[in-house]
Amino acid sequence: MIELKNLYKTYDRKTDVVKNLNLVIQDGELVVLIGESGCGKTTTMQMINRLIEPTGGSILINGKDTKTIDKNTLRRNIGYVIQDIGLFPHRTIEQNIATVPLLCRKDRAQVTEQVRALMETVGLPYDQYAARYPNELSGGQQQRVGVARALANDPDIILMDEPFSALDPITREQLQDELLRLHDEMGKTIVFVTHDMDEAIKLGDKIAIMQNGEIAQFDTPEELLKNPVSEFVAAFIGQNRLWKTPDLLKAEDVMAKDIVMVDANRTAIQAIEIMKKRNAPVLAVVEKTASGPDRLLGLVGINRLHSVLDSAAKVKDIMKTDIIKIPRDMSLTEVIALRGQNNVLFSPVVNGSDELVGIITNTSIVNVLSQIMPGKEDY
């Protein structure tokens, strides 16, 4: 775990580049620092491995203050990837990747095997690339070498300072996907600096938006998009960005929460009256339980109720029982696909305890999407 406590940095004793910054990064998290130029994001990251010394405050790694750790020891146990990559041009790819493990006096044969495995992991087969030099590789391939070098000493923490910003869009997207795969496989703690909000949303488990040396908001991508805490955060993210990332919308975001329930033993005529009074397109048919919430049995709409000849018929004999329950955290993309495949109009949404928390309809989806769709021009 990385803890930044009351951290600040000033160069002229007048202007704080970083101001009283507090941040906790859990083990295995990929945390993105983002903000406008000069906001302090790179300075903050470089203070973690003491490339820049803090003016005040403290940085703890697994509870140990980094000021008490020898700089070289600290840096050799923290991987570091930068935009300019910084490969040694006169050394082969294998030699570049092996630099830190050999400095740490690890067994050369074991290092060779580790380099071979890492090169395969980042998509550069050892037999094809080990003996080449950096100038023989493309920018994307060189950055893959940079990532492999950062992993070579098996650090728990990796710092990445705008590593993909100089690459073309296609290569950049490929390396973002590669980084996500590596993070899933290896579980490293990664601090990633970028100025690109799309990149931050794609990569980050959490995102810290910085403003004038302070953290304006530190949250998951979903929370940032749905609940920005200030006008600055909302403007920085962009009003229509949620529309561009529908996977971040969940079932609970598009469901109607005003559920109208009817007891399974009510008659059809009683159900119709409830539906009219509450102006409800569908009723959730429930059964009372001795303890806990009512149990969902099925759904009944106005068409089913009107089709019954016997108005005294019980709702439990009319309702639709082959319903598909949707978990509240299912993505909107999956929700729409599931509803389309099964040709359903009403989808009950349940929580982890199988308790009904909402109903998704075409109208409820459209109502939410209409609020975040781009464009406000009047006609």
Protein backbone atom coordinates (compact mmCIF):
# COMPACT_ATOMS: atom_id res chain seq x y z
CA MET A 1 0.00 0.00 0.00
CA ILE A 2 1.18 3.52 -0.83
CA GLU A 3 0.17 6.36 1.50
CA LEU A 4 0.80 10.01 0.77
CA LYS A 5 0.33 12.04 3.95
CA ASN A 6 0.13 15.84 4.01
CA LEU A 7 2.52 15.88 1.07
CA TYR A 8 3.67 19.14 -0.42
CA LYS A 9 6.42 20.38 -2.70
CA THR A 10 7.64 23.90 -3.29
CA TYR A 11 10.62 25.11 -5.27
CA ASP A 12 10.75 28.79 -4.36
CA ARG A 13 9.09 28.78 -0.94
CA LYS A 14 6.27 30.82 -2.47
CA THR A 15 4.42 28.55 -4.87
CA ASP A 16 3.38 25.06 -3.81
CA VAL A 17 3.50 22.65 -6.74
CA VAL A 18 1.83 20.05 -4.54
CA LYS A 19 -0.27 21.17 -1.55
CA ASN A 20 -1.10 19.10 1.51
CA LEU A 21 -1.91 16.07 -0.63
CA ASN A 22 -3.37 12.95 0.99
CA LEU A 23 -3.89 9.76 -1.00
CA VAL A 24 -4.05 6.03 -0.30
CA ILE A 25 -3.34 3.53 -3.08
CA GLN A 26 -4.23 -0.04 -2.20
CA ASP A 27 -2.13 -3.04 -3.20
CA GLY A 28 -2.88 -4.16 -6.74
CA GLU A 29 -4.71 -0.99 -7.75
CA LEU A 30 -4.09 0.85 -10.99
CA VAL A 31 -4.46 4.49 -10.01
CA VAL A 32 -4.34 7.28 -12.59
CA LEU A 33 -3.19 10.81 -11.81
CA ILE A 34 -4.62 13.31 -14.27
CA GLY A 35 -4.99 17.05 -14.56
CA GLU A 36 -4.02 20.12 -16.52
CA SER A 37 -0.36 20.90 -17.26
CA GLY A 38 1.39 22.11 -14.12
CA CYS A 39 -1.17 20.61 -11.72
CA GLY A 40 1.50 18.54 -9.93
CA LYS A 41 0.68 15.04 -11.17
CA THR A 42 4.18 14.12 -12.40
CA THR A 43 5.80 15.78 -9.38
CA THR A 44 3.56 13.71 -7.11
CA MET A 45 4.49 10.48 -8.86
CA GLN A 46 8.22 11.25 -8.88
CA MET A 47 8.16 11.90 -5.14
CA ILE A 48 7.09 8.29 -4.64
CA ASN A 49 10.48 6.97 -5.79
CA ARG A 50 12.33 10.10 -4.58
CA LEU A 51 13.37 11.34 -8.00
CA ILE A 52 12.01 14.52 -6.42
CA GLU A 53 12.26 15.00 -2.67
CA PRO A 54 9.14 16.27 -0.86
CA THR A 55 9.35 19.61 0.89
CA GLY A 56 7.07 18.31 3.60
CA GLY A 57 4.79 15.46 4.52
CA SER A 58 5.57 11.78 4.14
CA ILE A 59 5.24 8.85 1.76
CA LEU A 60 4.79 5.39 3.21
CA ILE A 61 5.13 2.13 1.31
CA ASN A 62 3.70 -0.80 3.25
CA GLY A 63 3.89 1.38 6.36
CA LYS A 64 7.57 2.34 5.94
CA ASP A 65 8.56 5.96 5.34
CA THR A 66 10.49 6.20 2.08
CA LYS A 67 12.84 8.78 3.65
CA THR A 68 14.30 5.94 5.70
CA ILE A 69 15.05 3.81 2.61
CA ASP A 70 18.23 4.17 0.58
CA LYS A 71 17.36 5.89 -2.72
CA ASN A 72 18.98 3.26 -4.94
CA THR A 73 17.36 0.41 -3.01
CA LEU A 74 13.99 2.15 -3.24
CA ARG A 75 14.23 2.77 -6.99
CA ARG A 76 15.45 -0.72 -7.80
CA ASN A 77 12.26 -2.05 -6.21
CA ILE A 78 9.95 0.31 -8.07
CA GLY A 79 9.52 -0.09 -11.82
CA TYR A 80 9.55 3.14 -13.82
CA VAL A 81 8.27 3.73 -17.35
CA ILE A 82 8.48 7.14 -19.00
CA GLN A 83 7.27 8.70 -22.24
CA ASP A 84 10.78 8.92 -23.73
CA ILE A 85 11.41 5.28 -22.74
CA GLY A 86 15.12 5.92 -22.05
CA LEU A 87 16.55 2.70 -23.44
CA PHE A 88 20.33 2.46 -23.67
CA PRO A 89 20.98 2.76 -27.44
CA HIS A 90 24.29 0.86 -27.35
CA ARG A 91 22.83 -2.14 -25.50
CA THR A 92 20.70 -4.95 -26.91
CA ILE A 93 17.07 -5.41 -25.94
CA GLU A 94 18.02 -8.28 -23.64
CA GLN A 95 20.72 -6.19 -21.98
CA ASN A 96 18.34 -3.27 -21.50
CA ILE A 97 15.73 -5.43 -19.77
CA ALA A 98 18.34 -7.19 -17.61
CA THR A 99 19.91 -3.95 -16.32
CA VAL A 100 18.30 -3.69 -12.89
CA PRO A 101 18.31 -7.42 -11.95
CA LEU A 102 22.03 -7.60 -12.77
CA LEU A 103 22.69 -4.42 -10.77
CA CYS A 104 21.01 -6.25 -7.89
CA ARG A 105 23.49 -9.10 -8.46
CA LYS A 106 20.93 -11.69 -9.35
CA ASP A 107 22.08 -14.94 -10.95
CA ARG A 108 22.78 -14.29 -14.65
CA ALA A 109 21.23 -17.55 -15.84
CA GLN A 110 18.03 -16.84 -13.89
CA VAL A 111 17.96 -13.29 -15.24
CA THR A 112 18.24 -14.61 -18.80
CA GLU A 113 15.27 -16.89 -18.24
CA GLN A 114 13.31 -14.05 -16.68
CA VAL A 115 14.09 -11.76 -19.60
CA ARG A 116 12.98 -14.45 -22.02
CA ALA A 117 9.68 -14.86 -20.17
CA LEU A 118 9.08 -11.10 -19.94
CA MET A 119 9.75 -10.57 -23.63
CA GLU A 120 7.18 -13.23 -24.46
CA THR A 121 4.75 -11.61 -22.01
CA VAL A 122 4.96 -8.20 -23.70
CA GLY A 123 4.71 -9.68 -27.19
CA LEU A 124 8.37 -9.56 -28.26
CA PRO A 125 9.57 -13.14 -28.82
CA TYR A 126 13.04 -13.61 -27.32
CA ASP A 127 14.59 -15.38 -30.30
CA GLN A 128 13.43 -12.63 -32.64
CA TYR A 129 14.18 -9.50 -30.61
CA ALA A 130 16.72 -10.21 -27.82
CA ALA A 131 19.81 -9.39 -29.90
CA ARG A 132 18.37 -6.29 -31.58
CA TYR A 133 19.10 -2.71 -30.61
CA PRO A 134 16.51 -0.04 -29.74
CA ASN A 135 16.88 1.82 -33.06
CA GLU A 136 15.79 -1.34 -34.86
CA LEU A 137 12.38 -1.30 -33.15
CA SER A 138 9.27 0.80 -33.68
CA GLY A 139 8.09 3.24 -31.02
CA GLY A 140 5.48 0.80 -29.79
CA GLN A 141 7.99 -2.04 -29.59
CA GLN A 142 10.44 0.16 -27.68
CA GLN A 143 7.72 1.01 -25.18
CA ARG A 144 7.02 -2.70 -24.72
CA VAL A 145 10.72 -3.08 -23.88
CA GLY A 146 10.33 -0.24 -21.39
CA VAL A 147 7.46 -2.05 -19.69
CA ALA A 148 9.43 -5.33 -19.62
CA ARG A 149 12.42 -3.50 -18.10
CA ALA A 150 10.18 -2.02 -15.40
CA LEU A 151 8.95 -5.52 -14.53
CA ALA A 152 12.37 -7.18 -14.68
CA ASN A 153 13.21 -6.93 -10.98
CA ASP A 154 9.69 -8.10 -10.05
CA PRO A 155 8.73 -4.88 -8.22
CA ASP A 156 5.49 -4.54 -6.31
CA ILE A 157 5.02 -0.99 -7.62
CA ILE A 158 5.29 0.44 -11.14
CA LEU A 159 5.25 4.15 -11.95
CA MET A 160 4.26 5.15 -15.48
CA ASP A 161 4.64 8.76 -16.61
CA GLU A 162 2.59 9.34 -19.79
CA PRO A 163 4.17 6.24 -21.35
CA PHE A 164 1.92 6.06 -24.42
CA SER A 165 1.35 9.74 -25.22
CA ALA A 166 3.91 9.92 -28.05
CA LEU A 167 2.53 6.88 -29.89
CA ASP A 168 0.05 6.79 -32.75
CA PRO A 169 -3.60 6.09 -31.73
CA ILE A 170 -3.65 2.45 -32.90
CA THR A 171 -0.40 1.51 -31.16
CA ARG A 172 -1.49 3.42 -28.08
CA GLU A 173 -4.74 1.49 -27.82
CA GLN A 174 -2.89 -1.81 -28.30
CA LEU A 175 -0.49 -0.99 -25.46
CA GLN A 176 -3.34 0.13 -23.20
CA ASP A 177 -4.98 -3.26 -23.75
CA GLU A 178 -1.64 -4.95 -23.11
CA LEU A 179 -1.18 -3.04 -19.86
CA LEU A 180 -4.65 -4.06 -18.65
CA ARG A 181 -3.85 -7.69 -19.44
CA LEU A 182 -0.54 -7.51 -17.59
CA HIS A 183 -2.19 -5.83 -14.62
CA ASP A 184 -4.83 -8.56 -14.43
CA GLU A 185 -2.19 -11.29 -14.66
CA MET A 186 0.45 -9.84 -12.34
CA GLY A 187 -1.55 -7.75 -9.90
CA LYS A 188 1.08 -5.01 -9.59
CA THR A 189 0.31 -1.68 -7.97
CA ILE A 190 0.52 0.88 -10.77
CA VAL A 191 0.55 4.68 -10.60
CA PHE A 192 -0.11 6.04 -14.08
CA VAL A 193 0.14 9.69 -15.11
CA THR A 194 -1.74 10.93 -18.17
CA HIS A 195 -3.39 14.07 -19.54
CA ASP A 196 -5.92 12.02 -21.56
CA MET A 197 -9.27 11.47 -19.83
CA ASP A 198 -10.29 8.67 -22.19
CA GLU A 199 -7.09 6.81 -21.28
CA ALA A 200 -7.68 7.41 -17.58
CA ILE A 201 -11.23 6.03 -17.74
CA LYS A 202 -10.12 2.98 -19.70
CA LEU A 203 -7.20 2.08 -17.44
CA GLY A 204 -7.90 3.30 -13.94
CA ASP A 205 -9.37 1.35 -11.07
CA LYS A 206 -9.43 4.80 -9.50
CA ILE A 207 -8.64 8.24 -10.87
CA ALA A 208 -7.23 11.22 -8.99
CA ILE A 209 -8.11 14.49 -10.75
CA MET A 210 -5.62 17.15 -9.67
CA GLN A 211 -6.08 20.90 -9.65
CA ASN A 212 -3.37 23.36 -8.63
CA GLY A 213 -1.42 20.78 -6.65
CA GLU A 214 -4.43 19.35 -4.85
CA ILE A 215 -6.75 16.43 -5.46
CA ALA A 216 -10.10 17.71 -6.70
CA GLN A 217 -11.66 14.23 -6.63
CA PHE A 218 -10.37 10.69 -6.14
CA ASP A 219 -12.83 8.05 -7.17
CA THR A 220 -13.69 5.22 -9.53
CA PRO A 221 -14.32 6.13 -13.18
CA GLU A 222 -18.02 5.40 -12.72
CA GLU A 223 -18.38 7.74 -9.75
CA LEU A 224 -16.41 10.50 -11.44
CA LEU A 225 -18.65 10.36 -14.49
CA LYS A 226 -21.90 10.13 -12.59
CA ASN A 227 -21.16 12.27 -9.55
CA PRO A 228 -18.49 14.92 -10.10
CA VAL A 229 -18.00 16.85 -6.85
CA SER A 230 -17.35 20.25 -8.41
CA GLU A 231 -17.80 22.33 -11.53
CA PHE A 232 -14.08 21.97 -12.24
CA VAL A 233 -14.27 18.16 -12.19
CA ALA A 234 -17.41 18.14 -14.35
CA ALA A 235 -15.82 20.48 -16.89
CA PHE A 236 -12.54 18.56 -16.90
CA ILE A 237 -14.30 15.24 -17.51
CA GLY A 238 -16.58 16.69 -20.17
CA GLN A 239 -20.38 16.78 -20.12
CA ASN A 240 -20.92 14.14 -22.78
CA ARG A 241 -18.21 11.67 -21.83
CA LEU A 242 -20.64 9.27 -20.13
CA TRP A 243 -22.50 8.99 -23.42
CA LYS A 244 -19.22 7.88 -25.04
CA THR A 245 -18.68 5.17 -22.42
CA PRO A 246 -22.04 3.37 -22.00
CA ASP A 247 -20.36 0.37 -20.36
CA LEU A 248 -19.94 2.54 -17.27
CA LEU A 249 -23.72 2.84 -16.97
CA LYS A 250 -25.21 0.01 -14.94
CA ALA A 251 -28.69 -1.45 -14.68
CA GLU A 252 -29.31 0.52 -11.49
CA ASP A 253 -28.60 3.74 -13.40
CA VAL A 254 -31.38 3.19 -15.94
CA MET A 255 -34.03 1.45 -13.84
CA ALA A 256 -37.25 3.00 -12.62
CA LYS A 257 -37.22 2.87 -8.83
CA ASP A 258 -40.92 3.56 -8.24
CA ILE A 259 -41.96 -0.08 -8.29
CA VAL A 260 -45.68 -0.75 -7.95
CA MET A 261 -46.29 -4.10 -6.26
CA VAL A 262 -49.38 -6.24 -6.02
CA ASP A 263 -50.06 -9.20 -3.80
CA ALA A 264 -50.30 -12.48 -5.70
CA ASN A 265 -53.78 -13.16 -4.28
CA ARG A 266 -55.35 -9.91 -5.54
CA THR A 267 -57.90 -10.24 -8.32
CA ALA A 268 -57.47 -9.00 -11.87
CA ILE A 269 -59.95 -6.17 -11.34
CA GLN A 270 -58.12 -5.05 -8.19
CA ALA A 271 -54.81 -5.11 -10.06
CA ILE A 272 -56.27 -2.95 -12.84
CA GLU A 273 -57.46 -0.39 -10.30
CA ILE A 274 -54.00 -0.29 -8.68
CA MET A 275 -52.41 0.15 -12.09
CA LYS A 276 -54.75 3.03 -13.00
CA LYS A 277 -54.34 4.76 -9.65
CA ARG A 278 -50.57 4.59 -9.76
CA ASN A 279 -50.28 5.12 -13.53
CA ALA A 280 -48.04 2.06 -13.71
CA PRO A 281 -47.27 0.20 -16.97
CA VAL A 282 -46.51 -3.03 -15.08
CA LEU A 283 -47.03 -4.53 -11.63
CA ALA A 284 -44.52 -6.62 -9.72
CA VAL A 285 -46.37 -9.62 -8.31
CA VAL A 286 -45.04 -10.48 -4.85
CA GLU A 287 -45.60 -12.92 -2.06
CA LYS A 288 -45.31 -11.90 1.57
CA THR A 289 -42.58 -13.65 3.56
CA ALA A 290 -42.38 -14.27 7.29
CA SER A 291 -39.21 -12.18 7.51
CA GLY A 292 -37.36 -10.04 5.05
CA PRO A 293 -38.53 -8.43 1.80
CA ASP A 294 -41.43 -9.64 -0.30
CA ARG A 295 -40.53 -12.39 -2.78
CA LEU A 296 -40.89 -11.55 -6.48
CA LEU A 297 -43.07 -14.12 -8.26
CA GLY A 298 -43.62 -12.51 -11.63
CA LEU A 299 -44.83 -9.48 -13.60
CA VAL A 300 -48.22 -8.55 -14.96
CA GLY A 301 -49.05 -5.85 -17.50
CA ILE A 302 -52.30 -4.28 -18.63
CA ASN A 303 -52.62 -6.51 -21.71
CA ARG A 304 -52.62 -9.69 -19.62
CA LEU A 305 -55.12 -8.24 -17.19
CA HIS A 306 -57.55 -7.14 -19.92
CA SER A 307 -57.31 -10.51 -21.66
CA VAL A 308 -58.77 -12.31 -18.63
CA LEU A 309 -62.48 -13.06 -18.97
CA ASP A 310 -62.95 -13.73 -15.27
CA SER A 311 -62.28 -10.46 -13.44
CA ALA A 312 -62.16 -12.40 -10.16
CA ALA A 313 -59.19 -14.45 -11.34
CA LYS A 314 -56.16 -14.18 -9.09
CA VAL A 315 -53.10 -12.28 -10.28
CA LYS A 316 -50.88 -15.28 -9.50
CA ASP A 317 -52.73 -17.23 -12.22
CA ILE A 318 -52.31 -14.48 -14.82
CA MET A 319 -48.79 -13.17 -14.26
CA LYS A 320 -45.77 -13.83 -16.44
CA THR A 321 -43.43 -16.06 -14.47
CA ASP A 322 -40.62 -16.72 -16.95
CA ILE A 323 -38.96 -13.41 -16.16
CA ILE A 324 -35.26 -12.63 -16.46
CA LYS A 325 -33.87 -10.92 -13.39
CA ILE A 326 -31.05 -8.45 -13.99
CA PRO A 327 -28.30 -7.80 -11.41
CA ARG A 328 -28.15 -4.13 -10.50
CA ASP A 329 -24.46 -3.92 -11.52
CA MET A 330 -24.91 -5.36 -15.04
CA SER A 331 -23.63 -2.92 -17.67
CA LEU A 332 -26.13 -1.09 -19.86
CA THR A 333 -24.61 -2.69 -22.95
CA GLU A 334 -25.32 -6.16 -21.53
CA VAL A 335 -28.80 -5.10 -20.38
CA ILE A 336 -29.79 -3.90 -23.85
CA ALA A 337 -28.38 -7.05 -25.49
CA LEU A 338 -30.21 -9.33 -23.03
CA ARG A 339 -33.50 -7.52 -23.46
CA GLY A 340 -33.18 -7.63 -27.24
CA GLN A 341 -32.32 -11.33 -27.33
CA ASN A 342 -35.31 -12.22 -25.19
CA ASN A 343 -37.71 -9.63 -26.62
CA VAL A 344 -38.85 -8.34 -23.22
CA LEU A 345 -40.42 -4.99 -22.31
CA PHE A 346 -40.04 -5.13 -18.53
CA SER A 347 -36.91 -6.30 -16.70
CA PRO A 348 -36.86 -6.59 -12.90
CA VAL A 349 -33.59 -5.49 -11.32
CA VAL A 350 -32.41 -7.26 -8.15
CA ASN A 351 -29.63 -6.74 -5.63
CA GLY A 352 -27.24 -9.35 -4.25
CA SER A 353 -29.96 -10.67 -1.92
CA ASP A 354 -32.35 -11.20 -4.86
CA GLU A 355 -34.47 -8.33 -3.59
CA LEU A 356 -36.35 -6.33 -6.21
CA VAL A 357 -34.91 -2.79 -6.44
CA GLY A 358 -36.26 -1.51 -9.76
CA ILE A 359 -37.79 -2.16 -13.17
CA ILE A 360 -36.12 -1.43 -16.50
CA THR A 361 -38.35 -0.37 -19.37
CA ASN A 362 -37.64 1.15 -22.75
CA THR A 363 -38.85 4.45 -21.33
CA SER A 364 -36.57 4.30 -18.29
CA ILE A 365 -33.55 3.69 -20.56
CA VAL A 366 -34.47 6.51 -22.93
CA ASN A 367 -35.09 8.91 -20.04
CA VAL A 368 -31.55 8.41 -18.73
CA LEU A 369 -29.85 8.45 -22.12
CA SER A 370 -31.66 11.62 -23.16
CA GLN A 371 -30.07 13.42 -20.20
CA ILE A 372 -26.50 12.55 -21.24
CA MET A 373 -26.78 12.59 -25.03
CA PRO A 374 -24.68 15.30 -26.65
CA GLY A 375 -26.34 18.36 -28.15
CA LYS A 376 -28.59 21.03 -26.68
CA GLU A 377 -29.53 23.03 -29.75
CA ASP A 378 -33.05 24.47 -29.80
CA TYR A 379 -35.31 24.09 -32.85
